Amino acid sequence: MTLRPRIVLAAAAALVLAGCGMTTESGEASGENAWTYTSGDGKTYTAEKMPERIIAQGEAAAALIAHGIEPVGIFINQPLEDTKALEGVDVSGIPILGETWGTIDAEKAAALKPDLIVTTYWSTEKAYGGFEDGVKESSKKVGKLAQVVGPTADQSVEEMLDGFEELSESLGADLDSEQIATDKATFEAARDRFKDTVAKAEGLSVLGVSPADDLLYVAVPKHSAELADFSRYGLDITVPDSPDPDFPYWENLSWENADKYQPDLILMDDRTYDQAMKIVAKQPTWTKIKAAEAGAVTPWPAFWISTYRAYAEQLDILSDVVEKADPDLT
């Protein structure tokens, strides 16, 4: 049982890569149907023919499908019904290769004979999503079935969406379609409205958090694409002064020190929002944060936006919240 899957996987990887003719930045591809893409890791990936059989991570799948490209398989970090990026997206008939972070069914992935794997690149960790440190070794081997590419995920949602457009266009997507143009225009209007709303909310301070039973995690804006964008759009998001040196996305506060920062508005990680609100309700120190005591808490679309349509919706929701927020709360 331990040897056989490894042998099958290695053989499948060799066949797929050989059949595809893929190379990395040092290689070249020529021909009428040759493909090339400069990925989030800074490398340029090429193939003698355009990839067609794509396995995609959940957020990447949402982006590709919005551009008319349907993956042959999808892997996600949590159950499909809880995966916000895929809410309302028709994935019927597409095999789900894993619904837990760090776990991808290697045999099912190999059987799909992919010629490209699309996810996002996390520059802070220097790794592609799904293949970071800590995932199962069998999952990492899935990354050897085909080249792994995708735009950078942790610096700017807006730039990431541009990256997905570039990737999709390289894969043959028609970016001039009416729906794509409408979604992009809707996003631009929502972004402009957000900037105007924030400019009028002078003095409003904001804090991004994600609670656990033992700690309150405070988000470092520059390592969250959404918060980084919000900051660039003018929102005053508190920058924690002691990020975890081993995982600098967060500062880890004990619940005894939960009130270290006093914002006017709290942005709560919405990937498990209902569970998060139950966690904080059990913590007596939660309401020592004046914004929490006042109920000035709203969902933060954390690490999942991957389409212009979703970004526009979330920016409009946050604009509504900012308009009603009290900048003199603290």
Protein backbone atom coordinates (compact mmCIF):
# COMPACT_ATOMS: atom_id res chain seq x y z
CA MET A 1 0.00 0.00 0.00
CA THR A 2 2.81 2.42 0.73
CA LEU A 3 4.85 1.80 -2.42
CA ARG A 4 2.24 1.27 -5.12
CA PRO A 5 0.60 4.72 -5.16
CA ARG A 6 4.02 6.37 -5.30
CA ILE A 7 5.02 4.30 -8.30
CA VAL A 8 1.74 5.00 -10.12
CA LEU A 9 1.98 8.71 -9.39
CA ALA A 10 5.57 8.99 -10.53
CA ALA A 11 4.81 7.16 -13.75
CA ALA A 12 1.75 9.32 -14.47
CA ALA A 13 3.77 12.47 -13.83
CA ALA A 14 6.45 11.40 -16.27
CA LEU A 15 3.91 10.60 -18.97
CA VAL A 16 1.99 13.86 -18.57
CA LEU A 17 5.05 16.07 -18.55
CA ALA A 18 6.59 14.24 -21.50
CA GLY A 19 3.37 14.47 -23.51
CA CYS A 20 2.94 18.15 -22.79
CA GLY A 21 6.48 19.22 -23.63
CA MET A 22 6.50 21.81 -20.87
CA THR A 23 9.61 23.74 -19.85
CA THR A 24 10.34 26.53 -17.39
CA GLU A 25 11.93 29.94 -17.80
CA SER A 26 15.13 28.62 -19.34
CA GLY A 27 13.28 26.74 -22.08
CA GLU A 28 11.55 27.81 -25.26
CA ALA A 29 8.38 26.77 -26.99
CA SER A 30 7.56 27.38 -30.62
CA GLY A 31 4.74 26.55 -32.95
CA GLU A 32 1.31 27.84 -33.87
CA ASN A 33 -0.28 26.64 -30.63
CA ALA A 34 2.66 27.29 -28.28
CA TRP A 35 1.86 28.62 -24.82
CA THR A 36 3.74 30.90 -22.44
CA TYR A 37 2.92 32.56 -19.12
CA THR A 38 4.98 34.48 -16.55
CA SER A 39 3.75 33.27 -13.17
CA GLY A 40 3.65 34.72 -9.68
CA ASP A 41 7.01 33.20 -8.81
CA GLY A 42 8.62 35.31 -11.55
CA LYS A 43 9.34 32.34 -13.81
CA THR A 44 8.07 32.01 -17.36
CA TYR A 45 6.41 28.69 -18.17
CA THR A 46 6.02 27.39 -21.70
CA ALA A 47 4.54 24.47 -23.59
CA GLU A 48 4.61 23.33 -27.20
CA LYS A 49 0.80 23.42 -27.22
CA MET A 50 -1.78 25.28 -25.17
CA PRO A 51 -2.76 23.41 -21.96
CA GLU A 52 -6.34 22.16 -21.98
CA ARG A 53 -6.69 19.77 -19.04
CA ILE A 54 -6.40 22.01 -15.99
CA ILE A 55 -6.62 21.13 -12.31
CA ALA A 56 -7.32 24.24 -10.26
CA GLN A 57 -7.39 25.27 -6.63
CA GLY A 58 -10.83 26.57 -5.57
CA GLU A 59 -10.26 30.32 -5.84
CA ALA A 60 -8.35 29.86 -9.09
CA ALA A 61 -11.19 27.68 -10.42
CA ALA A 62 -13.68 30.47 -9.74
CA ALA A 63 -11.51 32.90 -11.70
CA LEU A 64 -11.05 30.53 -14.64
CA ILE A 65 -14.74 29.63 -14.82
CA ALA A 66 -15.65 33.34 -14.82
CA HIS A 67 -13.48 33.59 -17.94
CA GLY A 68 -15.11 30.60 -19.62
CA ILE A 69 -12.43 28.01 -18.80
CA GLU A 70 -13.67 24.87 -17.01
CA PRO A 71 -11.11 22.84 -15.04
CA VAL A 72 -11.13 19.05 -15.16
CA GLY A 73 -10.61 18.90 -11.37
CA ILE A 74 -10.71 21.19 -8.33
CA PHE A 75 -9.08 21.03 -4.90
CA ILE A 76 -10.26 23.21 -2.03
CA ASN A 77 -9.34 23.92 1.59
CA GLN A 78 -12.72 23.21 3.20
CA PRO A 79 -16.06 21.59 2.27
CA LEU A 80 -17.51 22.84 -0.99
CA GLU A 81 -20.57 24.31 0.72
CA ASP A 82 -18.27 26.45 2.89
CA THR A 83 -15.99 27.60 0.05
CA LYS A 84 -17.01 31.22 -0.48
CA ALA A 85 -15.16 31.66 -3.78
CA LEU A 86 -17.34 28.97 -5.36
CA GLU A 87 -20.71 30.14 -4.04
CA GLY A 88 -23.07 30.34 -7.00
CA VAL A 89 -20.47 28.84 -9.36
CA ASP A 90 -21.61 25.79 -11.33
CA VAL A 91 -19.03 23.08 -10.62
CA SER A 92 -21.39 20.17 -11.22
CA GLY A 93 -19.59 17.35 -12.98
CA ILE A 94 -16.12 18.58 -11.99
CA PRO A 95 -14.36 16.14 -9.63
CA ILE A 96 -13.42 17.57 -6.24
CA LEU A 97 -9.96 16.24 -5.39
CA GLY A 98 -9.83 17.39 -1.76
CA GLU A 99 -11.87 19.43 0.70
CA THR A 100 -9.28 19.85 3.47
CA TRP A 101 -6.22 22.12 3.49
CA GLY A 102 -3.11 20.14 2.67
CA THR A 103 -4.93 17.14 1.22
CA ILE A 104 -5.30 16.41 -2.51
CA ASP A 105 -6.21 12.95 -3.77
CA ALA A 106 -3.10 12.13 -5.76
CA GLU A 107 -4.51 9.08 -7.56
CA LYS A 108 -7.64 10.93 -8.71
CA ALA A 109 -5.49 13.86 -9.83
CA ALA A 110 -3.16 11.61 -11.83
CA ALA A 111 -6.12 9.86 -13.46
CA LEU A 112 -7.28 13.23 -14.85
CA LYS A 113 -4.00 13.55 -16.80
CA PRO A 114 -3.63 17.31 -16.27
CA ASP A 115 -1.33 19.37 -18.42
CA LEU A 116 -1.49 22.40 -16.09
CA ILE A 117 -2.23 23.08 -12.43
CA VAL A 118 -3.53 26.56 -11.60
CA THR A 119 -3.47 28.01 -8.09
CA THR A 120 -2.03 31.20 -6.59
CA TYR A 121 1.49 32.08 -5.50
CA TRP A 122 2.08 33.18 -1.90
CA SER A 123 5.13 35.43 -1.97
CA THR A 124 5.39 35.53 1.83
CA GLU A 125 5.89 31.75 1.92
CA LYS A 126 7.43 31.46 -1.55
CA ALA A 127 5.05 28.63 -2.37
CA TYR A 128 1.97 27.89 -4.45
CA GLY A 129 -1.34 27.35 -2.66
CA GLY A 130 -1.87 23.66 -2.04
CA PHE A 131 1.84 22.89 -2.07
CA GLU A 132 3.10 24.90 0.92
CA ASP A 133 5.08 23.56 3.86
CA GLY A 134 2.82 21.47 6.06
CA VAL A 135 0.69 19.85 3.38
CA LYS A 136 0.77 16.07 2.96
CA GLU A 137 3.69 14.71 0.96
CA SER A 138 1.28 12.94 -1.38
CA SER A 139 -0.36 16.29 -2.10
CA LYS A 140 2.98 17.87 -2.95
CA LYS A 141 3.55 15.10 -5.49
CA VAL A 142 0.43 16.27 -7.32
CA GLY A 143 2.47 19.35 -8.17
CA LYS A 144 4.76 17.13 -10.24
CA LEU A 145 1.95 16.01 -12.56
CA ALA A 146 2.15 19.27 -14.50
CA GLN A 147 3.52 22.78 -14.24
CA VAL A 148 1.99 24.79 -11.37
CA VAL A 149 1.24 28.43 -12.18
CA GLY A 150 -0.87 31.35 -11.02
CA PRO A 151 -0.74 35.02 -10.04
CA THR A 152 0.49 36.32 -6.69
CA ALA A 153 -2.22 36.05 -4.02
CA ASP A 154 -1.02 37.99 -0.98
CA GLN A 155 -0.22 41.51 -2.20
CA SER A 156 -3.29 42.91 -3.98
CA VAL A 157 -6.61 41.42 -5.04
CA GLU A 158 -6.84 43.88 -7.89
CA GLU A 159 -3.41 42.88 -9.21
CA MET A 160 -4.25 39.19 -8.71
CA LEU A 161 -7.42 39.58 -10.81
CA ASP A 162 -5.35 41.21 -13.55
CA GLY A 163 -3.01 38.22 -13.30
CA PHE A 164 -5.87 35.78 -13.72
CA GLU A 165 -7.01 37.74 -16.78
CA GLU A 166 -3.53 37.45 -18.27
CA LEU A 167 -3.41 33.71 -17.54
CA SER A 168 -6.91 33.09 -18.90
CA GLU A 169 -6.14 35.03 -22.07
CA SER A 170 -3.02 32.91 -22.58
CA LEU A 171 -5.29 29.86 -22.31
CA GLY A 172 -7.62 31.12 -25.02
CA ALA A 173 -10.28 32.98 -23.02
CA ASP A 174 -12.30 35.70 -24.74
CA LEU A 175 -11.85 38.63 -22.36
CA ASP A 176 -13.95 40.86 -24.62
CA SER A 177 -17.13 39.03 -23.68
CA GLU A 178 -20.01 41.18 -22.48
CA GLN A 179 -20.19 39.50 -19.06
CA ILE A 180 -16.49 40.00 -18.30
CA ALA A 181 -16.67 43.65 -19.39
CA THR A 182 -19.75 44.21 -17.22
CA ASP A 183 -18.16 42.56 -14.17
CA LYS A 184 -15.00 44.67 -14.53
CA ALA A 185 -16.97 47.91 -14.95
CA THR A 186 -19.07 47.03 -11.89
CA PHE A 187 -15.88 46.46 -9.89
CA GLU A 188 -14.36 49.77 -10.98
CA ALA A 189 -17.52 51.62 -9.93
CA ALA A 190 -17.54 49.84 -6.55
CA ARG A 191 -13.85 50.64 -6.04
CA ASP A 192 -14.42 54.33 -6.81
CA ARG A 193 -17.39 54.43 -4.44
CA PHE A 194 -15.30 52.78 -1.71
CA LYS A 195 -12.50 55.33 -2.12
CA ASP A 196 -15.00 58.21 -1.89
CA THR A 197 -16.71 56.69 1.14
CA VAL A 198 -13.44 56.15 2.98
CA ALA A 199 -12.30 59.69 2.21
CA LYS A 200 -15.44 61.04 3.89
CA ALA A 201 -14.92 58.82 6.97
CA GLU A 202 -12.00 60.86 8.23
CA GLY A 203 -10.45 59.47 11.41
CA LEU A 204 -12.01 56.00 11.15
CA SER A 205 -9.61 53.29 12.32
CA VAL A 206 -10.02 49.62 11.43
CA LEU A 207 -8.57 46.31 12.64
CA GLY A 208 -8.64 42.94 10.88
CA VAL A 209 -8.92 39.89 13.15
CA SER A 210 -9.47 36.14 13.16
CA PRO A 211 -10.24 34.52 16.54
CA ALA A 212 -9.38 31.06 17.85
CA ASP A 213 -10.10 29.48 21.21
CA ASP A 214 -6.62 30.26 22.53
CA LEU A 215 -5.60 33.37 20.59
CA LEU A 216 -6.86 36.46 18.79
CA TYR A 217 -5.03 36.75 15.48
CA VAL A 218 -4.55 40.33 14.28
CA ALA A 219 -4.02 40.68 10.53
CA VAL A 220 -0.94 42.34 9.04
CA PRO A 221 -2.41 44.34 6.13
CA LYS A 222 0.52 44.03 3.73
CA HIS A 223 0.23 40.23 3.78
CA SER A 224 -3.52 40.18 3.10
CA ALA A 225 -4.38 41.13 -0.46
CA GLU A 226 -7.80 42.54 0.52
CA LEU A 227 -6.53 44.60 3.44
CA ALA A 228 -3.57 45.79 1.38
CA ASP A 229 -5.97 47.04 -1.29
CA PHE A 230 -8.28 48.63 1.28
CA SER A 231 -5.28 50.47 2.72
CA ARG A 232 -4.25 51.69 -0.72
CA TYR A 233 -7.82 52.84 -1.28
CA GLY A 234 -7.48 55.03 1.82
CA LEU A 235 -8.85 52.93 4.72
CA ASP A 236 -6.83 53.36 7.92
CA ILE A 237 -6.12 49.76 8.94
CA THR A 238 -4.07 49.26 12.08
CA VAL A 239 -0.69 47.62 11.45
CA PRO A 240 0.18 45.30 14.37
CA ASP A 241 3.62 45.93 15.80
CA SER A 242 4.63 42.36 16.68
CA PRO A 243 3.82 39.93 13.85
CA ASP A 244 4.65 36.28 14.33
CA PRO A 245 8.20 35.98 12.92
CA ASP A 246 7.49 32.46 11.64
CA PHE A 247 4.13 33.29 10.05
CA PRO A 248 3.99 37.07 9.58
CA TYR A 249 0.41 37.23 8.32
CA TRP A 250 -0.68 37.76 11.94
CA GLU A 251 0.19 39.08 15.36
CA ASN A 252 -0.90 36.49 17.92
CA LEU A 253 -2.55 38.03 20.99
CA SER A 254 -3.48 36.08 24.07
CA TRP A 255 -7.07 36.74 25.07
CA GLU A 256 -5.77 38.55 28.16
CA ASN A 257 -4.28 41.12 25.77
CA ALA A 258 -7.14 41.21 23.28
CA ASP A 259 -7.68 44.92 23.84
CA LYS A 260 -4.12 45.90 22.83
CA TYR A 261 -5.54 47.74 19.81
CA GLN A 262 -8.63 49.96 19.93
CA PRO A 263 -10.13 50.47 16.47
CA ASP A 264 -13.43 52.14 15.58
CA LEU A 265 -14.40 49.17 13.41
CA ILE A 266 -13.42 45.49 13.48
CA LEU A 267 -13.16 43.43 10.30
CA MET A 268 -13.80 39.77 11.18
CA ASP A 269 -12.38 36.96 9.01
CA ASP A 270 -15.49 35.70 7.22
CA ARG A 271 -14.28 32.27 6.14
CA THR A 272 -15.75 30.92 9.37
CA TYR A 273 -17.65 34.01 10.49
CA ASP A 274 -20.45 32.31 12.45
CA GLN A 275 -17.98 30.11 14.30
CA ALA A 276 -15.74 33.12 14.97
CA MET A 277 -18.61 35.07 16.54
CA LYS A 278 -19.35 32.10 18.81
CA ILE A 279 -15.70 32.00 19.87
CA VAL A 280 -15.52 35.68 20.77
CA ALA A 281 -18.82 35.49 22.66
CA LYS A 282 -17.11 33.15 25.13
CA GLN A 283 -14.24 35.53 25.78
CA PRO A 284 -14.83 38.13 28.54
CA THR A 285 -11.99 40.28 27.21
CA TRP A 286 -13.55 40.58 23.75
CA THR A 287 -15.78 43.43 24.84
CA LYS A 288 -12.80 45.27 26.30
CA ILE A 289 -12.31 46.27 22.70
CA LYS A 290 -14.65 49.26 22.46
CA ALA A 291 -15.67 48.46 18.89
CA ALA A 292 -16.65 44.93 19.94
CA GLU A 293 -18.65 46.28 22.86
CA ALA A 294 -20.43 48.67 20.52
CA GLY A 295 -21.16 45.93 17.98
CA ALA A 296 -18.97 47.63 15.36
CA VAL A 297 -17.96 44.31 13.79
CA THR A 298 -18.38 43.37 10.14
CA PRO A 299 -17.22 40.48 7.94
CA TRP A 300 -13.86 40.78 6.20
CA PRO A 301 -13.68 38.86 2.90
CA ALA A 302 -10.42 37.14 3.82
CA PHE A 303 -8.25 35.40 1.25
CA TRP A 304 -11.01 34.17 -1.09
CA ILE A 305 -12.04 36.88 -3.59
CA SER A 306 -11.05 35.80 -7.09
CA THR A 307 -13.49 37.49 -9.49
CA TYR A 308 -14.34 41.10 -10.28
CA ARG A 309 -17.99 40.39 -9.53
CA ALA A 310 -17.27 39.11 -6.03
CA TYR A 311 -14.90 41.99 -5.33
CA ALA A 312 -17.50 44.54 -6.39
CA GLU A 313 -20.10 42.97 -4.10
CA GLN A 314 -17.75 42.95 -1.12
CA LEU A 315 -16.58 46.53 -1.67
CA ASP A 316 -20.18 47.74 -1.82
CA ILE A 317 -21.01 45.90 1.42
CA LEU A 318 -18.00 47.42 3.14
CA SER A 319 -18.83 50.89 1.78
CA ASP A 320 -22.26 50.61 3.40
CA VAL A 321 -20.62 49.70 6.71
CA VAL A 322 -18.05 52.50 6.55
CA GLU A 323 -20.78 55.05 5.81
CA LYS A 324 -22.50 54.12 9.09
CA ALA A 325 -19.36 53.66 11.22
CA ASP A 326 -18.46 56.08 14.04
CA PRO A 327 -14.95 57.48 13.60
CA ASP A 328 -15.12 58.93 17.12
CA LEU A 329 -15.81 55.62 18.84
CA THR A 330 -12.31 55.42 20.35
